[in-house]
Amino acid sequence: INDMAWYRQAPGNQREPVATVSRAGLANYADSVKGRFTISRDNAKNT
């Protein structure tokens, strides 16, 4: 499993990326959630 991500979709809106994280742990966030949301992963548990 390579990149993992969280998306969200509100009624009437398109699905949009919220946060992504690479297998190496590098994370990117949408501007609207920076400083508030944190993405993390456990490669051994695939979560």
All heavy atoms as atom14 arrays in JSON, in Angstrom:
{
  "sequence": "INDMAWYRQAPGNQREPVATVSRAGLANYADSVKGRFTISRDNAKNT",
  "atom14_mask": [
    [1, 1, 1, 1, 1, 1, 1, 1, 0, 0, 0, 0, 0, 0],
    [1, 1, 1, 1, 1, 1, 1, 1, 0, 0, 0, 0, 0, 0],
    [1, 1, 1, 1, 1, 1, 1, 1, 0, 0, 0, 0, 0, 0],
    [1, 1, 1, 1, 1, 1, 1, 1, 0, 0, 0, 0, 0, 0],
    [1, 1, 1, 1, 1, 0, 0, 0, 0, 0, 0, 0, 0, 0],
    [1, 1, 1, 1, 1, 1, 1, 1, 1, 1, 1, 1, 1, 1],
    [1, 1, 1, 1, 1, 1, 1, 1, 1, 1, 1, 1, 0, 0],
    [1, 1, 1, 1, 1, 1, 1, 1, 1, 1, 1, 0, 0, 0],
    [1, 1, 1, 1, 1, 1, 1, 1, 1, 0, 0, 0, 0, 0],
    [1, 1, 1, 1, 1, 0, 0, 0, 0, 0, 0, 0, 0, 0],
    [1, 1, 1, 1, 1, 1, 1, 0, 0, 0, 0, 0, 0, 0],
    [1, 1, 1, 1, 0, 0, 0, 0, 0, 0, 0, 0, 0, 0],
    [1, 1, 1, 1, 1, 1, 1, 1, 0, 0, 0, 0, 0, 0],
    [1, 1, 1, 1, 1, 1, 1, 1, 1, 0, 0, 0, 0, 0],
    [1, 1, 1, 1, 1, 1, 1, 1, 1, 1, 1, 0, 0, 0],
    [1, 1, 1, 1, 1, 1, 1, 1, 1, 0, 0, 0, 0, 0],
    [1, 1, 1, 1, 1, 1, 1, 0, 0, 0, 0, 0, 0, 0],
    [1, 1, 1, 1, 1, 1, 1, 0, 0, 0, 0, 0, 0, 0],
    [1, 1, 1, 1, 1, 0, 0, 0, 0, 0, 0, 0, 0, 0],
    [1, 1, 1, 1, 1, 1, 1, 0, 0, 0, 0, 0, 0, 0],
    [1, 1, 1, 1, 1, 1, 1, 0, 0, 0, 0, 0, 0, 0],
    [1, 1, 1, 1, 1, 1, 0, 0, 0, 0, 0, 0, 0, 0],
    [1, 1, 1, 1, 1, 1, 1, 1, 1, 1, 1, 0, 0, 0],
    [1, 1, 1, 1, 1, 0, 0, 0, 0, 0, 0, 0, 0, 0],
    [1, 1, 1, 1, 0, 0, 0, 0, 0, 0, 0, 0, 0, 0],
    [1, 1, 1, 1, 1, 1, 1, 1, 0, 0, 0, 0, 0, 0],
    [1, 1, 1, 1, 1, 0, 0, 0, 0, 0, 0, 0, 0, 0],
    [1, 1, 1, 1, 1, 1, 1, 1, 0, 0, 0, 0, 0, 0],
    [1, 1, 1, 1, 1, 1, 1, 1, 1, 1, 1, 1, 0, 0],
    [1, 1, 1, 1, 1, 0, 0, 0, 0, 0, 0, 0, 0, 0],
    [1, 1, 1, 1, 1, 1, 1, 1, 0, 0, 0, 0, 0, 0],
    [1, 1, 1, 1, 1, 1, 0, 0, 0, 0, 0, 0, 0, 0],
    [1, 1, 1, 1, 1, 1, 1, 0, 0, 0, 0, 0, 0, 0],
    [1, 1, 1, 1, 1, 1, 1, 1, 1, 0, 0, 0, 0, 0],
    [1, 1, 1, 1, 0, 0, 0, 0, 0, 0, 0, 0, 0, 0],
    [1, 1, 1, 1, 1, 1, 1, 1, 1, 1, 1, 0, 0, 0],
    [1, 1, 1, 1, 1, 1, 1, 1, 1, 1, 1, 0, 0, 0],
    [1, 1, 1, 1, 1, 1, 1, 0, 0, 0, 0, 0, 0, 0],
    [1, 1, 1, 1, 1, 1, 1, 1, 0, 0, 0, 0, 0, 0],
    [1, 1, 1, 1, 1, 1, 0, 0, 0, 0, 0, 0, 0, 0],
    [1, 1, 1, 1, 1, 1, 1, 1, 1, 1, 1, 0, 0, 0],
    [1, 1, 1, 1, 1, 1, 1, 1, 0, 0, 0, 0, 0, 0],
    [1, 1, 1, 1, 1, 1, 1, 1, 0, 0, 0, 0, 0, 0],
    [1, 1, 1, 1, 1, 0, 0, 0, 0, 0, 0, 0, 0, 0],
    [1, 1, 1, 1, 1, 1, 1, 1, 1, 0, 0, 0, 0, 0],
    [1, 1, 1, 1, 1, 1, 1, 1, 0, 0, 0, 0, 0, 0],
    [1, 1, 1, 1, 1, 1, 1, 0, 0, 0, 0, 0, 0, 0]
  ],
  "atom14_positions": [
    [[0.86, -1.17, 0.0], [0.0, 0.0, 0.0], [0.89, 1.23, 0.0], [1.78, 1.35, 0.84], [-0.94, 0.03, 1.22], [-1.94, -1.13, 1.14], [-1.68, 1.36, 1.3], [-2.89, -1.21, 2.31], [0.0, 0.0, 0.0], [0.0, 0.0, 0.0], [0.0, 0.0, 0.0], [0.0, 0.0, 0.0], [0.0, 0.0, 0.0], [0.0, 0.0, 0.0]],
    [[0.66, 2.11, -0.95], [1.52, 3.28, -1.08], [0.86, 4.48, -0.4], [0.82, 4.53, 0.82], [1.83, 3.51, -2.55], [2.58, 2.33, -3.15], [3.5, 1.79, -2.54], [2.17, 1.9, -4.33], [0.0, 0.0, 0.0], [0.0, 0.0, 0.0], [0.0, 0.0, 0.0], [0.0, 0.0, 0.0], [0.0, 0.0, 0.0], [0.0, 0.0, 0.0]],
    [[0.34, 5.43, -1.16], [-0.3, 6.58, -0.54], [-1.63, 6.2, 0.09], [-2.38, 5.38, -0.44], [-0.53, 7.69, -1.56], [0.75, 8.36, -2.0], [1.82, 8.06, -1.43], [0.67, 9.21, -2.9], [0.0, 0.0, 0.0], [0.0, 0.0, 0.0], [0.0, 0.0, 0.0], [0.0, 0.0, 0.0], [0.0, 0.0, 0.0], [0.0, 0.0, 0.0]],
    [[-1.93, 6.8, 1.23], [-3.24, 6.69, 1.86], [-3.76, 8.1, 2.08], [-2.98, 9.05, 2.22], [-3.18, 5.92, 3.17], [-2.62, 4.52, 3.02], [-2.77, 3.5, 4.52], [-4.49, 3.0, 4.4], [0.0, 0.0, 0.0], [0.0, 0.0, 0.0], [0.0, 0.0, 0.0], [0.0, 0.0, 0.0], [0.0, 0.0, 0.0], [0.0, 0.0, 0.0]],
    [[-5.08, 8.24, 2.11], [-5.65, 9.58, 2.18], [-7.03, 9.55, 2.79], [-7.69, 8.51, 2.85], [-5.72, 10.21, 0.79], [0.0, 0.0, 0.0], [0.0, 0.0, 0.0], [0.0, 0.0, 0.0], [0.0, 0.0, 0.0], [0.0, 0.0, 0.0], [0.0, 0.0, 0.0], [0.0, 0.0, 0.0], [0.0, 0.0, 0.0], [0.0, 0.0, 0.0]],
    [[-7.45, 10.72, 3.24], [-8.83, 10.96, 3.65], [-9.44, 12.01, 2.74], [-8.83, 13.06, 2.49], [-8.91, 11.43, 5.1], [-8.62, 10.35, 6.1], [-7.44, 10.07, 6.69], [-9.57, 9.41, 6.61], [-7.57, 9.01, 7.55], [-8.87, 8.58, 7.52], [-10.93, 9.19, 6.4], [-9.49, 7.54, 8.22], [-11.54, 8.15, 7.08], [-10.83, 7.34, 7.97]],
    [[-10.61, 11.73, 2.22], [-11.41, 12.66, 1.44], [-12.7, 12.94, 2.18], [-13.08, 12.21, 3.1], [-11.74, 12.07, 0.06], [-10.6, 12.03, -0.93], [-9.52, 11.18, -0.74], [-10.63, 12.82, -2.07], [-8.47, 11.13, -1.65], [-9.6, 12.77, -3.0], [-8.53, 11.92, -2.77], [-7.51, 11.87, -3.7], [0.0, 0.0, 0.0], [0.0, 0.0, 0.0]],
    [[-13.39, 13.99, 1.77], [-14.71, 14.26, 2.33], [-15.63, 14.83, 1.26], [-15.18, 15.42, 0.28], [-14.63, 15.2, 3.53], [-14.22, 16.64, 3.2], [-14.03, 17.43, 4.48], [-13.67, 18.81, 4.23], [-13.32, 19.68, 5.17], [-13.29, 19.31, 6.44], [-13.01, 20.93, 4.85], [0.0, 0.0, 0.0], [0.0, 0.0, 0.0], [0.0, 0.0, 0.0]],
    [[-16.92, 14.62, 1.46], [-17.92, 15.11, 0.53], [-19.13, 15.6, 1.31], [-19.78, 14.82, 2.01], [-18.33, 14.02, -0.46], [-19.26, 14.49, -1.55], [-19.44, 13.46, -2.64], [-19.17, 12.27, -2.45], [-19.88, 13.89, -3.81], [0.0, 0.0, 0.0], [0.0, 0.0, 0.0], [0.0, 0.0, 0.0], [0.0, 0.0, 0.0], [0.0, 0.0, 0.0]],
    [[-19.42, 16.89, 1.17], [-20.6, 17.48, 1.77], [-21.73, 17.47, 0.74], [-21.48, 17.43, -0.47], [-20.31, 18.9, 2.23], [0.0, 0.0, 0.0], [0.0, 0.0, 0.0], [0.0, 0.0, 0.0], [0.0, 0.0, 0.0], [0.0, 0.0, 0.0], [0.0, 0.0, 0.0], [0.0, 0.0, 0.0], [0.0, 0.0, 0.0], [0.0, 0.0, 0.0]],
    [[-22.99, 17.52, 1.19], [-24.11, 17.52, 0.25], [-23.99, 18.64, -0.78], [-23.74, 19.79, -0.44], [-25.32, 17.74, 1.15], [-24.9, 17.18, 2.47], [-23.44, 17.52, 2.59], [0.0, 0.0, 0.0], [0.0, 0.0, 0.0], [0.0, 0.0, 0.0], [0.0, 0.0, 0.0], [0.0, 0.0, 0.0], [0.0, 0.0, 0.0], [0.0, 0.0, 0.0]],
    [[-24.15, 18.28, -2.05], [-24.07, 19.25, -3.13], [-22.66, 19.6, -3.58], [-22.5, 20.37, -4.52], [0.0, 0.0, 0.0], [0.0, 0.0, 0.0], [0.0, 0.0, 0.0], [0.0, 0.0, 0.0], [0.0, 0.0, 0.0], [0.0, 0.0, 0.0], [0.0, 0.0, 0.0], [0.0, 0.0, 0.0], [0.0, 0.0, 0.0], [0.0, 0.0, 0.0]],
    [[-21.66, 19.05, -2.91], [-20.27, 19.35, -3.25], [-19.57, 18.15, -3.86], [-20.02, 17.01, -3.74], [-19.5, 19.8, -2.01], [-19.96, 21.15, -1.48], [-20.7, 21.87, -2.15], [-19.52, 21.48, -0.28], [0.0, 0.0, 0.0], [0.0, 0.0, 0.0], [0.0, 0.0, 0.0], [0.0, 0.0, 0.0], [0.0, 0.0, 0.0], [0.0, 0.0, 0.0]],
    [[-18.44, 18.41, -4.49], [-17.59, 17.35, -5.01], [-16.76, 16.75, -3.88], [-16.48, 17.43, -2.89], [-16.68, 17.87, -6.11], [-17.41, 18.4, -7.33], [-18.16, 17.31, -8.05], [-17.64, 16.23, -8.3], [-19.42, 17.59, -8.39], [0.0, 0.0, 0.0], [0.0, 0.0, 0.0], [0.0, 0.0, 0.0], [0.0, 0.0, 0.0], [0.0, 0.0, 0.0]],
    [[-16.37, 15.51, -4.05], [-15.47, 14.9, -3.08], [-14.1, 15.58, -3.18], [-13.56, 15.78, -4.27], [-15.34, 13.4, -3.36], [-14.6, 12.64, -2.28], [-14.66, 11.14, -2.53], [-16.03, 10.64, -2.53], [-16.35, 9.35, -2.65], [-15.39, 8.44, -2.76], [-17.62, 8.98, -2.66], [0.0, 0.0, 0.0], [0.0, 0.0, 0.0], [0.0, 0.0, 0.0]],
    [[-13.54, 15.95, -2.03], [-12.29, 16.69, -2.01], [-11.29, 16.03, -1.06], [-11.68, 15.47, -0.04], [-12.52, 18.14, -1.58], [-13.07, 18.28, -0.17], [-13.25, 19.72, 0.26], [-13.01, 20.63, -0.56], [-13.62, 19.95, 1.44], [0.0, 0.0, 0.0], [0.0, 0.0, 0.0], [0.0, 0.0, 0.0], [0.0, 0.0, 0.0], [0.0, 0.0, 0.0]],
    [[-10.01, 16.11, -1.4], [-8.99, 15.56, -0.5], [-8.83, 16.43, 0.73], [-8.84, 17.66, 0.65], [-7.72, 15.56, -1.36], [-7.94, 16.64, -2.36], [-9.42, 16.62, -2.66], [0.0, 0.0, 0.0], [0.0, 0.0, 0.0], [0.0, 0.0, 0.0], [0.0, 0.0, 0.0], [0.0, 0.0, 0.0], [0.0, 0.0, 0.0], [0.0, 0.0, 0.0]],
    [[-8.69, 15.78, 1.87], [-8.47, 16.46, 3.14], [-7.03, 16.34, 3.58], [-6.39, 17.33, 3.96], [-9.4, 15.89, 4.23], [-9.12, 16.53, 5.58], [-10.86, 16.09, 3.83], [0.0, 0.0, 0.0], [0.0, 0.0, 0.0], [0.0, 0.0, 0.0], [0.0, 0.0, 0.0], [0.0, 0.0, 0.0], [0.0, 0.0, 0.0], [0.0, 0.0, 0.0]],
    [[-6.49, 15.13, 3.54], [-5.12, 14.88, 3.95], [-4.62, 13.62, 3.27], [-5.37, 12.67, 3.06], [-5.02, 14.73, 5.47], [0.0, 0.0, 0.0], [0.0, 0.0, 0.0], [0.0, 0.0, 0.0], [0.0, 0.0, 0.0], [0.0, 0.0, 0.0], [0.0, 0.0, 0.0], [0.0, 0.0, 0.0], [0.0, 0.0, 0.0], [0.0, 0.0, 0.0]],
    [[-3.35, 13.62, 2.9], [-2.7, 12.45, 2.31], [-1.41, 12.16, 3.05], [-0.8, 13.06, 3.62], [-2.4, 12.65, 0.81], [-1.48, 13.74, 0.66], [-3.67, 12.96, 0.03], [0.0, 0.0, 0.0], [0.0, 0.0, 0.0], [0.0, 0.0, 0.0], [0.0, 0.0, 0.0], [0.0, 0.0, 0.0], [0.0, 0.0, 0.0], [0.0, 0.0, 0.0]],
    [[-0.99, 10.91, 3.02], [0.26, 10.53, 3.65], [0.92, 9.43, 2.82], [0.26, 8.46, 2.43], [0.06, 10.1, 5.12], [-0.88, 8.9, 5.23], [1.39, 9.82, 5.79], [0.0, 0.0, 0.0], [0.0, 0.0, 0.0], [0.0, 0.0, 0.0], [0.0, 0.0, 0.0], [0.0, 0.0, 0.0], [0.0, 0.0, 0.0], [0.0, 0.0, 0.0]],
    [[2.2, 9.59, 2.53], [2.94, 8.59, 1.79], [3.36, 7.45, 2.7], [3.23, 7.52, 3.93], [4.18, 9.22, 1.14], [5.14, 9.54, 2.13], [0.0, 0.0, 0.0], [0.0, 0.0, 0.0], [0.0, 0.0, 0.0], [0.0, 0.0, 0.0], [0.0, 0.0, 0.0], [0.0, 0.0, 0.0], [0.0, 0.0, 0.0], [0.0, 0.0, 0.0]],
    [[3.88, 6.38, 2.1], [4.34, 5.26, 2.89], [5.48, 5.67, 3.81], [5.64, 5.12, 4.91], [4.79, 4.11, 1.98], [5.17, 2.85, 2.73], [5.35, 1.67, 1.81], [5.72, 0.48, 2.57], [4.85, -0.32, 3.17], [3.55, -0.06, 3.09], [5.27, -1.37, 3.84], [0.0, 0.0, 0.0], [0.0, 0.0, 0.0], [0.0, 0.0, 0.0]],
    [[6.26, 6.66, 3.38], [7.36, 7.16, 4.19], [6.91, 8.12, 5.28], [7.73, 8.56, 6.09], [8.4, 7.85, 3.3], [0.0, 0.0, 0.0], [0.0, 0.0, 0.0], [0.0, 0.0, 0.0], [0.0, 0.0, 0.0], [0.0, 0.0, 0.0], [0.0, 0.0, 0.0], [0.0, 0.0, 0.0], [0.0, 0.0, 0.0], [0.0, 0.0, 0.0]],
    [[5.63, 8.47, 5.3], [5.1, 9.32, 6.35], [5.0, 10.79, 6.02], [4.68, 11.6, 6.9], [0.0, 0.0, 0.0], [0.0, 0.0, 0.0], [0.0, 0.0, 0.0], [0.0, 0.0, 0.0], [0.0, 0.0, 0.0], [0.0, 0.0, 0.0], [0.0, 0.0, 0.0], [0.0, 0.0, 0.0], [0.0, 0.0, 0.0], [0.0, 0.0, 0.0]],
    [[5.28, 11.16, 4.77], [5.16, 12.56, 4.37], [3.69, 12.91, 4.17], [2.99, 12.24, 3.42], [5.94, 12.82, 3.09], [7.44, 12.54, 3.17], [8.1, 12.79, 1.82], [8.09, 13.41, 4.24], [0.0, 0.0, 0.0], [0.0, 0.0, 0.0], [0.0, 0.0, 0.0], [0.0, 0.0, 0.0], [0.0, 0.0, 0.0], [0.0, 0.0, 0.0]],
    [[3.24, 13.98, 4.83], [1.83, 14.34, 4.84], [1.57, 15.66, 4.14], [2.4, 16.57, 4.16], [1.33, 14.42, 6.28], [0.0, 0.0, 0.0], [0.0, 0.0, 0.0], [0.0, 0.0, 0.0], [0.0, 0.0, 0.0], [0.0, 0.0, 0.0], [0.0, 0.0, 0.0], [0.0, 0.0, 0.0], [0.0, 0.0, 0.0], [0.0, 0.0, 0.0]],
    [[0.41, 15.74, 3.51], [-0.09, 16.97, 2.92], [-1.51, 17.2, 3.4], [-2.27, 16.25, 3.6], [-0.07, 16.91, 1.39], [1.32, 17.0, 0.81], [2.11, 17.85, 1.19], [1.63, 16.1, -0.12], [0.0, 0.0, 0.0], [0.0, 0.0, 0.0], [0.0, 0.0, 0.0], [0.0, 0.0, 0.0], [0.0, 0.0, 0.0], [0.0, 0.0, 0.0]],
    [[-1.88, 18.47, 3.57], [-3.2, 18.82, 4.08], [-3.84, 19.9, 3.22], [-3.15, 20.76, 2.66], [-3.11, 19.35, 5.51], [-2.55, 18.36, 6.5], [-1.18, 18.32, 6.78], [-3.39, 17.47, 7.16], [-0.67, 17.41, 7.69], [-2.88, 16.56, 8.08], [-1.52, 16.54, 8.33], [-1.02, 15.63, 9.24], [0.0, 0.0, 0.0], [0.0, 0.0, 0.0]],
    [[-5.15, 19.84, 3.14], [-5.89, 20.94, 2.54], [-5.73, 22.17, 3.42], [-5.62, 22.08, 4.64], [-7.37, 20.58, 2.41], [0.0, 0.0, 0.0], [0.0, 0.0, 0.0], [0.0, 0.0, 0.0], [0.0, 0.0, 0.0], [0.0, 0.0, 0.0], [0.0, 0.0, 0.0], [0.0, 0.0, 0.0], [0.0, 0.0, 0.0], [0.0, 0.0, 0.0]],
    [[-5.7, 23.35, 2.79], [-5.51, 24.59, 3.54], [-6.56, 24.77, 4.63], [-6.28, 25.31, 5.7], [-5.54, 25.79, 2.6], [-4.3, 25.89, 1.74], [-3.28, 25.26, 2.07], [-4.36, 26.61, 0.72], [0.0, 0.0, 0.0], [0.0, 0.0, 0.0], [0.0, 0.0, 0.0], [0.0, 0.0, 0.0], [0.0, 0.0, 0.0], [0.0, 0.0, 0.0]],
    [[-7.77, 24.3, 4.38], [-8.86, 24.5, 5.32], [-8.7, 23.72, 6.62], [-9.38, 24.03, 7.6], [-10.2, 24.12, 4.65], [-10.19, 22.77, 4.24], [0.0, 0.0, 0.0], [0.0, 0.0, 0.0], [0.0, 0.0, 0.0], [0.0, 0.0, 0.0], [0.0, 0.0, 0.0], [0.0, 0.0, 0.0], [0.0, 0.0, 0.0], [0.0, 0.0, 0.0]],
    [[-7.82, 22.72, 6.64], [-7.68, 21.89, 7.85], [-6.29, 21.95, 8.45], [-6.05, 21.34, 9.5], [-8.05, 20.42, 7.57], [-9.43, 20.33, 6.95], [-7.02, 19.74, 6.68], [0.0, 0.0, 0.0], [0.0, 0.0, 0.0], [0.0, 0.0, 0.0], [0.0, 0.0, 0.0], [0.0, 0.0, 0.0], [0.0, 0.0, 0.0], [0.0, 0.0, 0.0]],
    [[-5.37, 22.67, 7.83], [-4.0, 22.76, 8.36], [-4.0, 23.32, 9.78], [-4.68, 24.3, 10.07], [-3.14, 23.64, 7.45], [-2.73, 22.97, 6.16], [-1.84, 23.89, 5.33], [-1.41, 23.21, 4.04], [-0.59, 24.11, 3.19], [0.0, 0.0, 0.0], [0.0, 0.0, 0.0], [0.0, 0.0, 0.0], [0.0, 0.0, 0.0], [0.0, 0.0, 0.0]],
    [[-3.24, 22.68, 10.64], [-3.17, 23.1, 12.02], [-4.24, 22.51, 12.91], [-4.14, 22.61, 14.14], [0.0, 0.0, 0.0], [0.0, 0.0, 0.0], [0.0, 0.0, 0.0], [0.0, 0.0, 0.0], [0.0, 0.0, 0.0], [0.0, 0.0, 0.0], [0.0, 0.0, 0.0], [0.0, 0.0, 0.0], [0.0, 0.0, 0.0], [0.0, 0.0, 0.0]],
    [[-5.26, 21.9, 12.31], [-6.36, 21.32, 13.07], [-6.42, 19.8, 12.95], [-6.78, 19.12, 13.91], [-7.7, 21.91, 12.63], [-7.8, 23.42, 12.81], [-9.22, 23.91, 12.55], [-9.65, 23.67, 11.18], [-10.7, 22.93, 10.84], [-11.44, 22.35, 11.78], [-11.03, 22.77, 9.57], [0.0, 0.0, 0.0], [0.0, 0.0, 0.0], [0.0, 0.0, 0.0]],
    [[-6.09, 19.28, 11.76], [-6.16, 17.84, 11.51], [-4.76, 17.26, 11.41], [-3.83, 17.93, 10.94], [-6.89, 17.55, 10.19], [-8.36, 17.85, 10.18], [-8.98, 18.54, 11.22], [-9.14, 17.44, 9.12], [-10.33, 18.82, 11.2], [-10.5, 17.7, 9.08], [-11.1, 18.39, 10.12], [0.0, 0.0, 0.0], [0.0, 0.0, 0.0], [0.0, 0.0, 0.0]],
    [[-4.62, 16.01, 11.81], [-3.36, 15.29, 11.69], [-3.62, 13.9, 11.14], [-4.43, 13.16, 11.69], [-2.64, 15.18, 13.04], [-2.4, 16.49, 13.58], [-1.3, 14.47, 12.86], [0.0, 0.0, 0.0], [0.0, 0.0, 0.0], [0.0, 0.0, 0.0], [0.0, 0.0, 0.0], [0.0, 0.0, 0.0], [0.0, 0.0, 0.0], [0.0, 0.0, 0.0]],
    [[-2.92, 13.55, 10.06], [-3.04, 12.22, 9.49], [-1.83, 11.39, 9.92], [-0.71, 11.9, 10.01], [-3.16, 12.27, 7.95], [-3.5, 10.89, 7.38], [-1.89, 12.82, 7.31], [-3.86, 10.92, 5.9], [0.0, 0.0, 0.0], [0.0, 0.0, 0.0], [0.0, 0.0, 0.0], [0.0, 0.0, 0.0], [0.0, 0.0, 0.0], [0.0, 0.0, 0.0]],
    [[-2.05, 10.12, 10.19], [-0.98, 9.23, 10.58], [-1.27, 7.82, 10.06], [-2.42, 7.5, 9.76], [-0.79, 9.21, 12.1], [-1.97, 8.77, 12.75], [0.0, 0.0, 0.0], [0.0, 0.0, 0.0], [0.0, 0.0, 0.0], [0.0, 0.0, 0.0], [0.0, 0.0, 0.0], [0.0, 0.0, 0.0], [0.0, 0.0, 0.0], [0.0, 0.0, 0.0]],
    [[-0.24, 7.0, 9.95], [-0.43, 5.64, 9.46], [0.5, 4.68, 10.18], [1.54, 5.07, 10.71], [-0.21, 5.56, 7.95], [1.22, 5.82, 7.49], [1.31, 5.86, 5.97], [1.1, 4.54, 5.38], [0.99, 4.32, 4.07], [1.05, 5.34, 3.21], [0.81, 3.09, 3.61], [0.0, 0.0, 0.0], [0.0, 0.0, 0.0], [0.0, 0.0, 0.0]],
    [[0.09, 3.43, 10.18], [0.88, 2.34, 10.73], [1.06, 1.33, 9.61], [0.13, 0.6, 9.27], [0.19, 1.72, 11.94], [1.05, 0.69, 12.65], [1.85, 0.01, 11.99], [0.9, 0.56, 13.89], [0.0, 0.0, 0.0], [0.0, 0.0, 0.0], [0.0, 0.0, 0.0], [0.0, 0.0, 0.0], [0.0, 0.0, 0.0], [0.0, 0.0, 0.0]],
    [[2.24, 1.29, 9.0], [2.47, 0.43, 7.86], [2.38, -1.06, 8.22], [1.94, -1.87, 7.41], [3.84, 0.71, 7.24], [3.91, 2.07, 6.58], [2.89, 2.64, 6.19], [5.11, 2.6, 6.44], [0.0, 0.0, 0.0], [0.0, 0.0, 0.0], [0.0, 0.0, 0.0], [0.0, 0.0, 0.0], [0.0, 0.0, 0.0], [0.0, 0.0, 0.0]],
    [[2.79, -1.41, 9.43], [2.74, -2.8, 9.85], [1.31, -3.3, 10.0], [1.01, -4.45, 9.72], [3.5, -2.99, 11.16], [0.0, 0.0, 0.0], [0.0, 0.0, 0.0], [0.0, 0.0, 0.0], [0.0, 0.0, 0.0], [0.0, 0.0, 0.0], [0.0, 0.0, 0.0], [0.0, 0.0, 0.0], [0.0, 0.0, 0.0], [0.0, 0.0, 0.0]],
    [[0.41, -2.42, 10.45], [-0.98, -2.79, 10.66], [-1.88, -2.4, 9.49], [-3.07, -2.72, 9.5], [-1.51, -2.14, 11.94], [-0.82, -2.62, 13.2], [-1.42, -1.96, 14.43], [-0.76, -2.46, 15.7], [-1.33, -1.81, 16.91], [0.0, 0.0, 0.0], [0.0, 0.0, 0.0], [0.0, 0.0, 0.0], [0.0, 0.0, 0.0], [0.0, 0.0, 0.0]],
    [[-1.33, -1.7, 8.51], [-2.1, -1.25, 7.35], [-3.32, -0.41, 7.77], [-4.45, -0.65, 7.32], [-2.54, -2.43, 6.48], [-1.36, -3.14, 5.84], [-0.46, -2.49, 5.3], [-1.37, -4.46, 5.89], [0.0, 0.0, 0.0], [0.0, 0.0, 0.0], [0.0, 0.0, 0.0], [0.0, 0.0, 0.0], [0.0, 0.0, 0.0], [0.0, 0.0, 0.0]],
    [[-3.06, 0.55, 8.62], [-4.11, 1.44, 9.09], [-3.7, 2.89, 8.88], [-2.52, 3.23, 8.81], [-4.44, 1.23, 10.57], [-3.26, 1.46, 11.36], [-4.95, -0.18, 10.82], [0.0, 0.0, 0.0], [0.0, 0.0, 0.0], [0.0, 0.0, 0.0], [0.0, 0.0, 0.0], [0.0, 0.0, 0.0], [0.0, 0.0, 0.0], [0.0, 0.0, 0.0]]
  ]
}
